Amino acid sequence: MFRATFVAVGVSIALARAGDWPAPRAVPPTPTNLSPGGPPIPTQPPAESSHPPAIPLWPNGAPGSAARQGEPEHISWRQEPDLVFPVVSNIHHPSLTPFFPAQGAATGSAVVIAPGGGHMQHTIEREGYDLGRWLAGRGIAAFVLKYRLARDGSHPTGTPPPYQIDVDALADAHRAIRLIRARAAEWNVQPNRIGVLGFSAGGEIALLAAARHDAGRPDATDLIERQSSRPDFFAPIYPGGLQRPDYNFSKDRTPPAFLACAYDDRMPEQLAAFFTTLRKAGVSAELHLYSSGGHGFGVRGDRPQMPISSWHLRFVEWLGDRGFLK
C-alpha cells in the first residue's frame, strides 16, 4: 500500500492507493498533433507542470480497467499554429488533482474541471491545472479530472476502443462528484456547492453529468457510492456533444448552467440553441458568446487584450450571483 501526505495551499490531505501506479511515460507526438508552421517542438521531453499528487477515484482500480492497470499515462507534445503544449492520454487510473484555497479563504464551492482533447487526450494545462490554480486563488476548491478516453488510439488497430464516453468517462465524472461530496467536510467544501466545468470534449462530460445523475445507493458498501452524483451547477465551455439526441433537461432535475464560446468557433449556433432549450425547460442559464477566440482558448494569460481572456471572471461572478460563494 502506497501512502503519501502533502499540504496543498494550507490544507493537509492523506492519499492512499493500492499497488503501484505506473509513472507517466513521454511519447512522440502523433501526426494529428502537429501543425505545419507552428512553433518548434521543444527538445526536452514533455512533462506536466508541477501540481499536487492526484487522488485515484477508485483506489483499487476503476471498474472496467483491470486489464490495463499496468499501463502508464502517456505525455506528448501538441503543436498548434501559435503554441506548443503537453497533452496526456492512455488514462486507465482516472483521478482528481486537487487545488485547494488558502486556509481561511475557502468559499465552500468546488468545481470538477474536465479538460478537452477530443476524447483522444487531455489538454491538461490551460484546460486543467491553470484554471485549477486560478480558482483556488479565489477561494474555490478545484479538482482536475483525468477521465478515461474513448478515442485515444491506444488500443490495437481493428479492435474496439476499451472505453465509451457515456459509460466510462461519465462514470468517472459521477465518481468525482460523489468523492468530493463524501469528503466535503474534510476538504472544507459545502456538499450542495459542487459543480462540473468542462472544455470541448470535457464539455460533453459536463453536459452528460448534468443530464444523467442519480441520488446514490443507500445500501452500497462503498460509502462514496451512497452519495448523489448530481452536480449543483454545470459549465460547458465550447462543449462537444451538443447535437446528442439523448439528453433530458428539466427544471426539477437540471442544475443551473454557465455557457461560453467564441463566435469564430464552430458551435455558436449550437450553444445558443442549447441555451434556448434550457430556457424553455425552465433551467436557469447564462450564455456568453465572445466575438473572437476560436476553439480551445481555455485559460491563457498571454492574450489579456482579448475579451475572451476574461471569461473565467464572468464564471466566478455568476457563481456569486447564484449564491455559491457565500
C-alpha atoms as a PDB file:
ATOM      1  CA  MET A   1       0.000   0.000   0.000  1.00  0.00           C
ATOM      2  CA  PHE A   2       1.373   3.404  -1.029  1.00  0.00           C
ATOM      3  CA  ARG A   3       0.567   6.285   1.250  1.00  0.00           C
ATOM      4  CA  ALA A   4       1.509   9.936   0.894  1.00  0.00           C
ATOM      5  CA  THR A   5       0.719  13.088   2.790  1.00  0.00           C
ATOM      6  CA  PHE A   6       1.015  16.545   1.285  1.00  0.00           C
ATOM      7  CA  VAL A   7      -0.016  20.068   2.090  1.00  0.00           C
ATOM      8  CA  ALA A   8      -1.828  21.962  -0.688  1.00  0.00           C
ATOM      9  CA  VAL A   9      -2.310  25.665  -0.011  1.00  0.00           C
ATOM     10  CA  GLY A  10      -2.794  25.208   3.684  1.00  0.00           C
ATOM     11  CA  VAL A  11      -4.861  22.001   3.571  1.00  0.00           C
ATOM     12  CA  SER A  12      -3.397  18.676   4.725  1.00  0.00           C
ATOM     13  CA  ILE A  13      -4.608  15.683   2.731  1.00  0.00           C
ATOM     14  CA  ALA A  14      -3.780  11.991   3.113  1.00  0.00           C
ATOM     15  CA  LEU A  15      -3.856   9.854  -0.007  1.00  0.00           C
ATOM     16  CA  ALA A  16      -3.782   6.095  -0.297  1.00  0.00           C
ATOM     17  CA  ARG A  17      -3.795   3.720  -3.216  1.00  0.00           C
ATOM     18  CA  ALA A  18      -3.288   0.018  -3.652  1.00  0.00           C
ATOM     19  CA  GLY A  19      -0.300  -1.363  -5.509  1.00  0.00           C
ATOM     20  CA  ASP A  20       1.899   0.612  -7.878  1.00  0.00           C
ATOM     21  CA  TRP A  21       0.628   3.390 -10.125  1.00  0.00           C
ATOM     22  CA  PRO A  22       2.921   3.361 -13.183  1.00  0.00           C
ATOM     23  CA  ALA A  23       4.933   6.528 -13.738  1.00  0.00           C
ATOM     24  CA  PRO A  24       3.882   8.607 -16.788  1.00  0.00           C
ATOM     25  CA  ARG A  25       5.828   7.961 -19.979  1.00  0.00           C
ATOM     26  CA  ALA A  26       6.825  10.547 -22.568  1.00  0.00           C
ATOM     27  CA  VAL A  27       5.916   9.558 -26.140  1.00  0.00           C
ATOM     28  CA  PRO A  28       6.466  11.228 -29.548  1.00  0.00           C
ATOM     29  CA  PRO A  29       3.661  13.458 -30.860  1.00  0.00           C
ATOM     30  CA  THR A  30       1.159  11.838 -33.201  1.00  0.00           C
ATOM     31  CA  PRO A  31       0.832  13.279 -36.733  1.00  0.00           C
ATOM     32  CA  THR A  32      -2.603  14.685 -35.856  1.00  0.00           C
ATOM     33  CA  ASN A  33      -0.951  16.779 -33.124  1.00  0.00           C
ATOM     34  CA  LEU A  34       1.439  18.551 -35.479  1.00  0.00           C
ATOM     35  CA  SER A  35       0.511  21.814 -37.225  1.00  0.00           C
ATOM     36  CA  PRO A  36       2.593  22.950 -40.231  1.00  0.00           C
ATOM     37  CA  GLY A  37       4.258  26.254 -39.465  1.00  0.00           C
ATOM     38  CA  GLY A  38       3.664  26.055 -35.735  1.00  0.00           C
ATOM     39  CA  PRO A  39       6.318  26.784 -33.124  1.00  0.00           C
ATOM     40  CA  PRO A  40       9.119  24.213 -32.972  1.00  0.00           C
ATOM     41  CA  ILE A  41       8.621  21.151 -30.808  1.00  0.00           C
ATOM     42  CA  PRO A  42      10.822  21.551 -27.694  1.00  0.00           C
ATOM     43  CA  THR A  43      13.894  19.369 -27.484  1.00  0.00           C
ATOM     44  CA  GLN A  44      13.164  18.391 -23.879  1.00  0.00           C
ATOM     45  CA  PRO A  45      10.686  15.597 -23.148  1.00  0.00           C
ATOM     46  CA  PRO A  46       7.101  16.723 -22.483  1.00  0.00           C
ATOM     47  CA  ALA A  47       6.065  16.969 -18.846  1.00  0.00           C
ATOM     48  CA  GLU A  48       3.164  18.263 -16.823  1.00  0.00           C
ATOM     49  CA  SER A  49       3.722  21.374 -14.738  1.00  0.00           C
ATOM     50  CA  SER A  50       4.195  20.941 -11.006  1.00  0.00           C
ATOM     51  CA  HIS A  51       0.923  20.049  -9.315  1.00  0.00           C
ATOM     52  CA  PRO A  52      -0.362  18.294  -6.174  1.00  0.00           C
ATOM     53  CA  PRO A  53      -0.477  14.493  -6.153  1.00  0.00           C
ATOM     54  CA  ALA A  54      -3.519  13.001  -7.841  1.00  0.00           C
ATOM     55  CA  ILE A  55      -6.252  11.255  -5.892  1.00  0.00           C
ATOM     56  CA  PRO A  56      -7.415   7.982  -7.505  1.00  0.00           C
ATOM     57  CA  LEU A  57     -11.164   7.834  -8.000  1.00  0.00           C
ATOM     58  CA  TRP A  58     -11.064   4.103  -7.252  1.00  0.00           C
ATOM     59  CA  PRO A  59      -8.012   3.236  -5.086  1.00  0.00           C
ATOM     60  CA  ASN A  60      -8.283  -0.429  -6.084  1.00  0.00           C
ATOM     61  CA  GLY A  61      -8.768   0.300  -9.779  1.00  0.00           C
ATOM     62  CA  ALA A  62     -11.602   1.630 -11.897  1.00  0.00           C
ATOM     63  CA  PRO A  63     -14.351  -0.803 -12.929  1.00  0.00           C
ATOM     64  CA  GLY A  64     -13.667  -1.958 -16.472  1.00  0.00           C
ATOM     65  CA  SER A  65      -9.959  -1.050 -16.418  1.00  0.00           C
ATOM     66  CA  ALA A  66      -8.491  -4.135 -14.754  1.00  0.00           C
ATOM     67  CA  ALA A  67      -6.868  -5.435 -17.943  1.00  0.00           C
ATOM     68  CA  ARG A  68      -4.849  -2.243 -18.391  1.00  0.00           C
ATOM     69  CA  GLN A  69      -3.894  -1.383 -14.820  1.00  0.00           C
ATOM     70  CA  GLY A  70      -0.186  -1.792 -15.572  1.00  0.00           C
ATOM     71  CA  GLU A  71      -0.078   0.775 -18.380  1.00  0.00           C
ATOM     72  CA  PRO A  72       1.355   4.226 -17.667  1.00  0.00           C
ATOM     73  CA  GLU A  73      -0.164   7.513 -18.774  1.00  0.00           C
ATOM     74  CA  HIS A  74       1.349   8.971 -21.939  1.00  0.00           C
ATOM     75  CA  ILE A  75       2.589  12.558 -22.186  1.00  0.00           C
ATOM     76  CA  SER A  76       3.250  14.086 -25.581  1.00  0.00           C
ATOM     77  CA  TRP A  77       3.662  17.462 -27.250  1.00  0.00           C
ATOM     78  CA  ARG A  78       0.838  19.024 -29.228  1.00  0.00           C
ATOM     79  CA  GLN A  79       1.673  21.751 -31.719  1.00  0.00           C
ATOM     80  CA  GLU A  80      -0.839  24.378 -32.795  1.00  0.00           C
ATOM     81  CA  PRO A  81      -0.239  27.408 -35.056  1.00  0.00           C
ATOM     82  CA  ASP A  82       0.688  29.696 -32.145  1.00  0.00           C
ATOM     83  CA  LEU A  83       1.814  27.460 -29.262  1.00  0.00           C
ATOM     84  CA  VAL A  84       3.077  24.052 -28.184  1.00  0.00           C
ATOM     85  CA  PHE A  85       1.819  22.347 -25.050  1.00  0.00           C
ATOM     86  CA  PRO A  86       1.786  18.919 -23.343  1.00  0.00           C
ATOM     87  CA  VAL A  87      -1.178  16.580 -23.627  1.00  0.00           C
ATOM     88  CA  VAL A  88      -1.909  13.436 -21.621  1.00  0.00           C
ATOM     89  CA  SER A  89      -3.514  10.204 -22.827  1.00  0.00           C
ATOM     90  CA  ASN A  90      -3.737   6.463 -22.062  1.00  0.00           C
ATOM     91  CA  ILE A  91      -5.739   7.061 -18.886  1.00  0.00           C
ATOM     92  CA  HIS A  92      -6.516   3.833 -17.030  1.00  0.00           C
ATOM     93  CA  HIS A  93      -6.313   5.217 -13.486  1.00  0.00           C
ATOM     94  CA  PRO A  94      -8.932   8.018 -13.525  1.00  0.00           C
ATOM     95  CA  SER A  95      -8.094  10.586 -10.891  1.00  0.00           C
ATOM     96  CA  LEU A  96      -8.624  14.036  -9.418  1.00  0.00           C
ATOM     97  CA  THR A  97      -5.816  16.552  -8.943  1.00  0.00           C
ATOM     98  CA  PRO A  98      -6.894  18.921  -6.138  1.00  0.00           C
ATOM     99  CA  PHE A  99      -6.198  22.642  -5.856  1.00  0.00           C
ATOM    100  CA  PHE A 100      -7.373  23.977  -2.500  1.00  0.00           C
ATOM    101  CA  PRO A 101      -7.835  27.599  -1.396  1.00  0.00           C
ATOM    102  CA  ALA A 102      -5.592  29.039   1.270  1.00  0.00           C
ATOM    103  CA  GLN A 103      -6.596  28.459   4.869  1.00  0.00           C
ATOM    104  CA  GLY A 104      -9.489  30.745   5.767  1.00  0.00           C
ATOM    105  CA  ALA A 105     -10.188  31.770   2.155  1.00  0.00           C
ATOM    106  CA  ALA A 106     -12.491  28.922   1.115  1.00  0.00           C
ATOM    107  CA  THR A 107     -15.956  29.861  -0.127  1.00  0.00           C
ATOM    108  CA  GLY A 108     -17.248  26.295   0.227  1.00  0.00           C
ATOM    109  CA  SER A 109     -17.660  25.957  -3.534  1.00  0.00           C
ATOM    110  CA  ALA A 110     -15.932  23.217  -5.546  1.00  0.00           C
ATOM    111  CA  VAL A 111     -15.519  22.662  -9.293  1.00  0.00           C
ATOM    112  CA  VAL A 112     -14.626  19.454 -11.116  1.00  0.00           C
ATOM    113  CA  ILE A 113     -12.661  20.503 -14.223  1.00  0.00           C
ATOM    114  CA  ALA A 114     -12.826  18.164 -17.231  1.00  0.00           C
ATOM    115  CA  PRO A 115     -10.152  19.077 -19.826  1.00  0.00           C
ATOM    116  CA  GLY A 116     -10.826  18.805 -23.528  1.00  0.00           C
ATOM    117  CA  GLY A 117      -8.936  16.982 -26.244  1.00  0.00           C
ATOM    118  CA  GLY A 118     -11.467  15.258 -28.470  1.00  0.00           C
ATOM    119  CA  HIS A 119     -11.691  12.231 -26.119  1.00  0.00           C
ATOM    120  CA  MET A 120      -8.227  11.401 -27.529  1.00  0.00           C
ATOM    121  CA  GLN A 121      -6.118  13.262 -24.962  1.00  0.00           C
ATOM    122  CA  HIS A 122      -6.318  15.810 -22.160  1.00  0.00           C
ATOM    123  CA  THR A 123      -5.239  19.415 -22.701  1.00  0.00           C
ATOM    124  CA  ILE A 124      -4.126  19.238 -19.128  1.00  0.00           C
ATOM    125  CA  GLU A 125      -2.579  22.669 -18.556  1.00  0.00           C
ATOM    126  CA  ARG A 126      -4.728  25.567 -19.845  1.00  0.00           C
ATOM    127  CA  GLU A 127      -7.911  23.467 -19.628  1.00  0.00           C
ATOM    128  CA  GLY A 128      -6.950  21.908 -16.323  1.00  0.00           C
ATOM    129  CA  TYR A 129      -4.182  22.866 -13.936  1.00  0.00           C
ATOM    130  CA  ASP A 130      -4.040  26.557 -14.932  1.00  0.00           C
ATOM    131  CA  LEU A 131      -7.741  27.025 -14.194  1.00  0.00           C
ATOM    132  CA  GLY A 132      -7.454  24.926 -11.027  1.00  0.00           C
ATOM    133  CA  ARG A 133      -4.765  27.207  -9.610  1.00  0.00           C
ATOM    134  CA  TRP A 134      -6.705  30.307 -10.609  1.00  0.00           C
ATOM    135  CA  LEU A 135      -9.948  29.148  -8.982  1.00  0.00           C
ATOM    136  CA  ALA A 136      -8.158  28.114  -5.783  1.00  0.00           C
ATOM    137  CA  GLY A 137      -6.738  31.630  -5.614  1.00  0.00           C
ATOM    138  CA  ARG A 138     -10.312  32.899  -5.476  1.00  0.00           C
ATOM    139  CA  GLY A 139     -11.478  30.632  -2.703  1.00  0.00           C
ATOM    140  CA  ILE A 140     -12.910  27.856  -4.902  1.00  0.00           C
ATOM    141  CA  ALA A 141     -11.667  24.297  -4.495  1.00  0.00           C
ATOM    142  CA  ALA A 142     -10.828  22.871  -7.917  1.00  0.00           C
ATOM    143  CA  PHE A 143     -10.346  19.237  -8.912  1.00  0.00           C
ATOM    144  CA  VAL A 144      -8.883  18.442 -12.341  1.00  0.00           C
ATOM    145  CA  LEU A 145     -10.421  15.226 -13.629  1.00  0.00           C
ATOM    146  CA  LYS A 146      -8.422  12.769 -15.700  1.00  0.00           C
ATOM    147  CA  TYR A 147     -11.291  10.772 -17.152  1.00  0.00           C
ATOM    148  CA  ARG A 148     -10.887   7.716 -19.340  1.00  0.00           C
ATOM    149  CA  LEU A 149     -10.622   8.436 -23.056  1.00  0.00           C
ATOM    150  CA  ALA A 150     -12.792   6.728 -25.647  1.00  0.00           C
ATOM    151  CA  ARG A 151     -10.717   7.710 -28.696  1.00  0.00           C
ATOM    152  CA  ASP A 152      -7.099   7.880 -27.609  1.00  0.00           C
ATOM    153  CA  GLY A 153      -5.937   5.291 -30.121  1.00  0.00           C
ATOM    154  CA  SER A 154      -4.007   3.241 -27.575  1.00  0.00           C
ATOM    155  CA  HIS A 155      -5.858   0.036 -28.455  1.00  0.00           C
ATOM    156  CA  PRO A 156      -4.672  -2.168 -31.334  1.00  0.00           C
ATOM    157  CA  THR A 157      -5.887  -1.256 -34.813  1.00  0.00           C
ATOM    158  CA  GLY A 158      -9.077  -3.071 -35.699  1.00  0.00           C
ATOM    159  CA  THR A 159     -10.122  -3.645 -32.096  1.00  0.00           C
ATOM    160  CA  PRO A 160     -12.927  -1.718 -30.407  1.00  0.00           C
ATOM    161  CA  PRO A 161     -11.942   1.104 -28.041  1.00  0.00           C
ATOM    162  CA  PRO A 162     -11.822  -0.007 -24.410  1.00  0.00           C
ATOM    163  CA  TYR A 163     -13.968   2.847 -23.111  1.00  0.00           C
ATOM    164  CA  GLN A 164     -17.160   4.686 -24.010  1.00  0.00           C
ATOM    165  CA  ILE A 165     -17.918   8.360 -23.421  1.00  0.00           C
ATOM    166  CA  ASP A 166     -21.319   7.896 -21.829  1.00  0.00           C
ATOM    167  CA  VAL A 167     -20.270   4.822 -19.846  1.00  0.00           C
ATOM    168  CA  ASP A 168     -16.697   5.057 -18.568  1.00  0.00           C
ATOM    169  CA  ALA A 169     -15.936   8.783 -18.886  1.00  0.00           C
ATOM    170  CA  LEU A 170     -19.330   9.634 -17.398  1.00  0.00           C
ATOM    171  CA  ALA A 171     -18.752   7.112 -14.601  1.00  0.00           C
ATOM    172  CA  ASP A 172     -15.518   8.961 -13.799  1.00  0.00           C
ATOM    173  CA  ALA A 173     -17.370  12.297 -13.595  1.00  0.00           C
ATOM    174  CA  HIS A 174     -20.063  10.759 -11.386  1.00  0.00           C
ATOM    175  CA  ARG A 175     -17.436   9.223  -9.124  1.00  0.00           C
ATOM    176  CA  ALA A 176     -15.593  12.553  -8.873  1.00  0.00           C
ATOM    177  CA  ILE A 177     -18.728  14.357  -7.691  1.00  0.00           C
ATOM    178  CA  ARG A 178     -19.555  11.587  -5.230  1.00  0.00           C
ATOM    179  CA  LEU A 179     -15.994  11.540  -3.872  1.00  0.00           C
ATOM    180  CA  ILE A 180     -15.916  15.288  -3.229  1.00  0.00           C
ATOM    181  CA  ARG A 181     -19.352  15.126  -1.619  1.00  0.00           C
ATOM    182  CA  ALA A 182     -18.232  12.227   0.606  1.00  0.00           C
ATOM    183  CA  ARG A 183     -15.148  14.154   1.758  1.00  0.00           C
ATOM    184  CA  ALA A 184     -16.746  17.605   1.774  1.00  0.00           C
ATOM    185  CA  ALA A 185     -16.184  18.271   5.468  1.00  0.00           C
ATOM    186  CA  GLU A 186     -12.545  17.169   5.246  1.00  0.00           C
ATOM    187  CA  TRP A 187     -11.945  19.384   2.219  1.00  0.00           C
ATOM    188  CA  ASN A 188     -13.855  22.425   3.516  1.00  0.00           C
ATOM    189  CA  VAL A 189     -16.484  22.148   0.792  1.00  0.00           C
ATOM    190  CA  GLN A 190     -20.245  22.530   1.083  1.00  0.00           C
ATOM    191  CA  PRO A 191     -21.878  19.345  -0.296  1.00  0.00           C
ATOM    192  CA  ASN A 192     -24.515  21.439  -2.114  1.00  0.00           C
ATOM    193  CA  ARG A 193     -21.938  23.621  -3.931  1.00  0.00           C
ATOM    194  CA  ILE A 194     -20.183  21.062  -6.129  1.00  0.00           C
ATOM    195  CA  GLY A 195     -20.278  21.638  -9.867  1.00  0.00           C
ATOM    196  CA  VAL A 196     -18.612  20.447 -13.046  1.00  0.00           C
ATOM    197  CA  LEU A 197     -16.945  22.547 -15.749  1.00  0.00           C
ATOM    198  CA  GLY A 198     -15.695  21.053 -18.986  1.00  0.00           C
ATOM    199  CA  PHE A 199     -13.933  22.232 -22.128  1.00  0.00           C
ATOM    200  CA  SER A 200     -14.759  20.834 -25.584  1.00  0.00           C
ATOM    201  CA  ALA A 201     -14.845  17.037 -25.079  1.00  0.00           C
ATOM    202  CA  GLY A 202     -14.838  17.723 -21.352  1.00  0.00           C
ATOM    203  CA  GLY A 203     -17.843  19.953 -22.002  1.00  0.00           C
ATOM    204  CA  GLU A 204     -19.667  16.879 -23.268  1.00  0.00           C
ATOM    205  CA  ILE A 205     -18.828  15.201 -19.955  1.00  0.00           C
ATOM    206  CA  ALA A 206     -20.288  18.215 -18.126  1.00  0.00           C
ATOM    207  CA  LEU A 207     -23.457  18.011 -20.246  1.00  0.00           C
ATOM    208  CA  LEU A 208     -23.838  14.300 -19.538  1.00  0.00           C
ATOM    209  CA  ALA A 209     -23.237  14.790 -15.822  1.00  0.00           C
ATOM    210  CA  ALA A 210     -25.988  17.431 -15.709  1.00  0.00           C
ATOM    211  CA  ALA A 211     -28.394  15.323 -17.764  1.00  0.00           C
ATOM    212  CA  ARG A 212     -27.831  11.916 -16.154  1.00  0.00           C
ATOM    213  CA  HIS A 213     -27.321  11.548 -12.441  1.00  0.00           C
ATOM    214  CA  ASP A 214     -28.711   9.619  -9.519  1.00  0.00           C
ATOM    215  CA  ALA A 215     -29.234  10.000  -5.796  1.00  0.00           C
ATOM    216  CA  GLY A 216     -26.717   7.307  -4.870  1.00  0.00           C
ATOM    217  CA  ARG A 217     -27.280   3.843  -3.414  1.00  0.00           C
ATOM    218  CA  PRO A 218     -28.045   3.994   0.312  1.00  0.00           C
ATOM    219  CA  ASP A 219     -27.118   0.333   0.782  1.00  0.00           C
ATOM    220  CA  ALA A 220     -23.759   0.491  -1.054  1.00  0.00           C
ATOM    221  CA  THR A 221     -20.819  -0.995   0.847  1.00  0.00           C
ATOM    222  CA  ASP A 222     -18.620   1.667  -0.765  1.00  0.00           C
ATOM    223  CA  LEU A 223     -19.610   4.768   1.199  1.00  0.00           C
ATOM    224  CA  ILE A 224     -18.721   7.032  -1.725  1.00  0.00           C
ATOM    225  CA  GLU A 225     -21.354   5.328  -3.874  1.00  0.00           C
ATOM    226  CA  ARG A 226     -24.023   6.334  -1.360  1.00  0.00           C
ATOM    227  CA  GLN A 227     -23.586   9.958  -2.409  1.00  0.00           C
ATOM    228  CA  SER A 228     -25.572  11.746  -5.112  1.00  0.00           C
ATOM    229  CA  SER A 229     -23.830  12.235  -8.465  1.00  0.00           C
ATOM    230  CA  ARG A 230     -25.891  15.324  -9.337  1.00  0.00           C
ATOM    231  CA  PRO A 231     -23.780  18.442  -9.876  1.00  0.00           C
ATOM    232  CA  ASP A 232     -25.131  21.611  -8.263  1.00  0.00           C
ATOM    233  CA  PHE A 233     -24.143  23.631 -11.359  1.00  0.00           C
ATOM    234  CA  PHE A 234     -22.502  22.916 -14.689  1.00  0.00           C
ATOM    235  CA  ALA A 235     -20.430  24.936 -17.124  1.00  0.00           C
ATOM    236  CA  PRO A 236     -19.891  23.558 -20.640  1.00  0.00           C
ATOM    237  CA  ILE A 237     -17.234  25.774 -22.283  1.00  0.00           C
ATOM    238  CA  TYR A 238     -17.185  25.446 -26.108  1.00  0.00           C
ATOM    239  CA  PRO A 239     -18.606  21.956 -25.497  1.00  0.00           C
ATOM    240  CA  GLY A 240     -18.767  18.990 -27.773  1.00  0.00           C
ATOM    241  CA  GLY A 241     -21.753  16.691 -27.771  1.00  0.00           C
ATOM    242  CA  LEU A 242     -24.350  19.419 -28.235  1.00  0.00           C
ATOM    243  CA  GLN A 243     -26.094  17.503 -31.017  1.00  0.00           C
ATOM    244  CA  ARG A 244     -26.654  14.344 -28.991  1.00  0.00           C
ATOM    245  CA  PRO A 245     -30.365  13.444 -29.065  1.00  0.00           C
ATOM    246  CA  ASP A 246     -30.360  11.575 -25.755  1.00  0.00           C
ATOM    247  CA  TYR A 247     -30.216  14.446 -23.264  1.00  0.00           C
ATOM    248  CA  ASN A 248     -33.122  15.182 -20.956  1.00  0.00           C
ATOM    249  CA  PHE A 249     -33.186  18.541 -19.188  1.00  0.00           C
ATOM    250  CA  SER A 250     -35.907  19.778 -16.866  1.00  0.00           C
ATOM    251  CA  LYS A 251     -36.484  22.431 -14.237  1.00  0.00           C
ATOM    252  CA  ASP A 252     -36.683  19.853 -11.456  1.00  0.00           C
ATOM    253  CA  ARG A 253     -33.601  17.774 -12.321  1.00  0.00           C
ATOM    254  CA  THR A 254     -31.192  20.053 -14.161  1.00  0.00           C
ATOM    255  CA  PRO A 255     -28.821  22.372 -12.257  1.00  0.00           C
ATOM    256  CA  PRO A 256     -28.116  25.961 -13.396  1.00  0.00           C
ATOM    257  CA  ALA A 257     -25.738  26.371 -16.326  1.00  0.00           C
ATOM    258  CA  PHE A 258     -22.968  28.758 -17.378  1.00  0.00           C
ATOM    259  CA  LEU A 259     -22.227  28.606 -21.117  1.00  0.00           C
ATOM    260  CA  ALA A 260     -19.426  30.226 -23.137  1.00  0.00           C
ATOM    261  CA  CYS A 261     -17.817  30.011 -26.570  1.00  0.00           C
ATOM    262  CA  ALA A 262     -16.388  32.246 -29.305  1.00  0.00           C
ATOM    263  CA  TYR A 263     -18.187  33.490 -32.431  1.00  0.00           C
ATOM    264  CA  ASP A 264     -15.355  32.243 -34.663  1.00  0.00           C
ATOM    265  CA  ASP A 265     -15.664  28.726 -33.280  1.00  0.00           C
ATOM    266  CA  ARG A 266     -17.781  26.048 -34.949  1.00  0.00           C
ATOM    267  CA  MET A 267     -20.536  25.944 -32.343  1.00  0.00           C
ATOM    268  CA  PRO A 268     -22.151  29.342 -31.609  1.00  0.00           C
ATOM    269  CA  GLU A 269     -25.458  28.312 -33.184  1.00  0.00           C
ATOM    270  CA  GLN A 270     -25.494  25.011 -31.305  1.00  0.00           C
ATOM    271  CA  LEU A 271     -24.682  26.607 -27.946  1.00  0.00           C
ATOM    272  CA  ALA A 272     -27.272  29.358 -28.485  1.00  0.00           C
ATOM    273  CA  ALA A 273     -29.839  26.681 -29.351  1.00  0.00           C
ATOM    274  CA  PHE A 274     -28.879  24.785 -26.198  1.00  0.00           C
ATOM    275  CA  PHE A 275     -29.388  27.934 -24.143  1.00  0.00           C
ATOM    276  CA  THR A 276     -32.875  28.214 -25.652  1.00  0.00           C
ATOM    277  CA  THR A 277     -33.552  24.555 -24.835  1.00  0.00           C
ATOM    278  CA  LEU A 278     -32.629  25.155 -21.195  1.00  0.00           C
ATOM    279  CA  ARG A 279     -34.706  28.314 -21.021  1.00  0.00           C
ATOM    280  CA  LYS A 280     -37.763  26.552 -22.417  1.00  0.00           C
ATOM    281  CA  ALA A 281     -37.255  23.771 -19.853  1.00  0.00           C
ATOM    282  CA  GLY A 282     -37.199  26.323 -17.037  1.00  0.00           C
ATOM    283  CA  VAL A 283     -33.484  25.774 -16.283  1.00  0.00           C
ATOM    284  CA  SER A 284     -31.535  28.867 -15.231  1.00  0.00           C
ATOM    285  CA  ALA A 285     -28.705  29.570 -17.677  1.00  0.00           C
ATOM    286  CA  GLU A 286     -26.276  32.324 -18.627  1.00  0.00           C
ATOM    287  CA  LEU A 287     -24.700  32.462 -22.103  1.00  0.00           C
ATOM    288  CA  HIS A 288     -21.510  34.314 -23.095  1.00  0.00           C
ATOM    289  CA  LEU A 289     -20.716  34.488 -26.796  1.00  0.00           C
ATOM    290  CA  TYR A 290     -17.435  36.299 -27.487  1.00  0.00           C
ATOM    291  CA  SER A 291     -16.605  37.884 -30.835  1.00  0.00           C
ATOM    292  CA  SER A 292     -13.287  36.042 -31.244  1.00  0.00           C
ATOM    293  CA  GLY A 293     -11.137  33.469 -29.554  1.00  0.00           C
ATOM    294  CA  GLY A 294     -11.618  30.339 -31.656  1.00  0.00           C
ATOM    295  CA  HIS A 295     -11.741  26.885 -30.170  1.00  0.00           C
ATOM    296  CA  GLY A 296      -9.693  25.720 -27.214  1.00  0.00           C
ATOM    297  CA  PHE A 297      -8.951  29.090 -25.622  1.00  0.00           C
ATOM    298  CA  GLY A 298      -9.051  27.686 -22.091  1.00  0.00           C
ATOM    299  CA  VAL A 299      -7.160  29.934 -19.682  1.00  0.00           C
ATOM    300  CA  ARG A 300      -4.433  31.879 -21.489  1.00  0.00           C
ATOM    301  CA  GLY A 301      -2.650  34.750 -19.806  1.00  0.00           C
ATOM    302  CA  ASP A 302      -0.761  35.710 -22.970  1.00  0.00           C
ATOM    303  CA  ARG A 303      -3.785  37.429 -24.586  1.00  0.00           C
ATOM    304  CA  PRO A 304      -5.081  39.847 -21.923  1.00  0.00           C
ATOM    305  CA  GLN A 305      -6.325  42.294 -24.563  1.00  0.00           C
ATOM    306  CA  MET A 306      -8.912  39.814 -25.824  1.00  0.00           C
ATOM    307  CA  PRO A 307     -12.311  39.823 -24.085  1.00  0.00           C
ATOM    308  CA  ILE A 308     -12.331  36.012 -24.262  1.00  0.00           C
ATOM    309  CA  SER A 309      -9.443  36.027 -21.782  1.00  0.00           C
ATOM    310  CA  SER A 310     -11.788  37.201 -19.015  1.00  0.00           C
ATOM    311  CA  TRP A 311     -14.473  34.519 -19.367  1.00  0.00           C
ATOM    312  CA  HIS A 312     -13.430  32.849 -16.096  1.00  0.00           C
ATOM    313  CA  LEU A 313     -14.005  36.156 -14.265  1.00  0.00           C
ATOM    314  CA  ARG A 314     -17.566  36.075 -15.548  1.00  0.00           C
ATOM    315  CA  PHE A 315     -17.875  32.468 -14.365  1.00  0.00           C
ATOM    316  CA  VAL A 316     -16.894  33.401 -10.808  1.00  0.00           C
ATOM    317  CA  GLU A 317     -19.275  36.378 -10.901  1.00  0.00           C
ATOM    318  CA  TRP A 318     -22.030  34.006 -11.990  1.00  0.00           C
ATOM    319  CA  LEU A 319     -21.225  31.641  -9.125  1.00  0.00           C
ATOM    320  CA  GLY A 320     -21.563  34.597  -6.773  1.00  0.00           C
ATOM    321  CA  ASP A 321     -24.857  35.646  -8.308  1.00  0.00           C
ATOM    322  CA  ARG A 322     -26.171  32.119  -7.823  1.00  0.00           C
ATOM    323  CA  GLY A 323     -25.178  32.133  -4.138  1.00  0.00           C
ATOM    324  CA  PHE A 324     -22.406  29.539  -4.393  1.00  0.00           C
ATOM    325  CA  LEU A 325     -19.726  31.790  -2.916  1.00  0.00           C
ATOM    326  CA  LYS A 326     -21.408  32.976   0.271  1.00  0.00           C
END
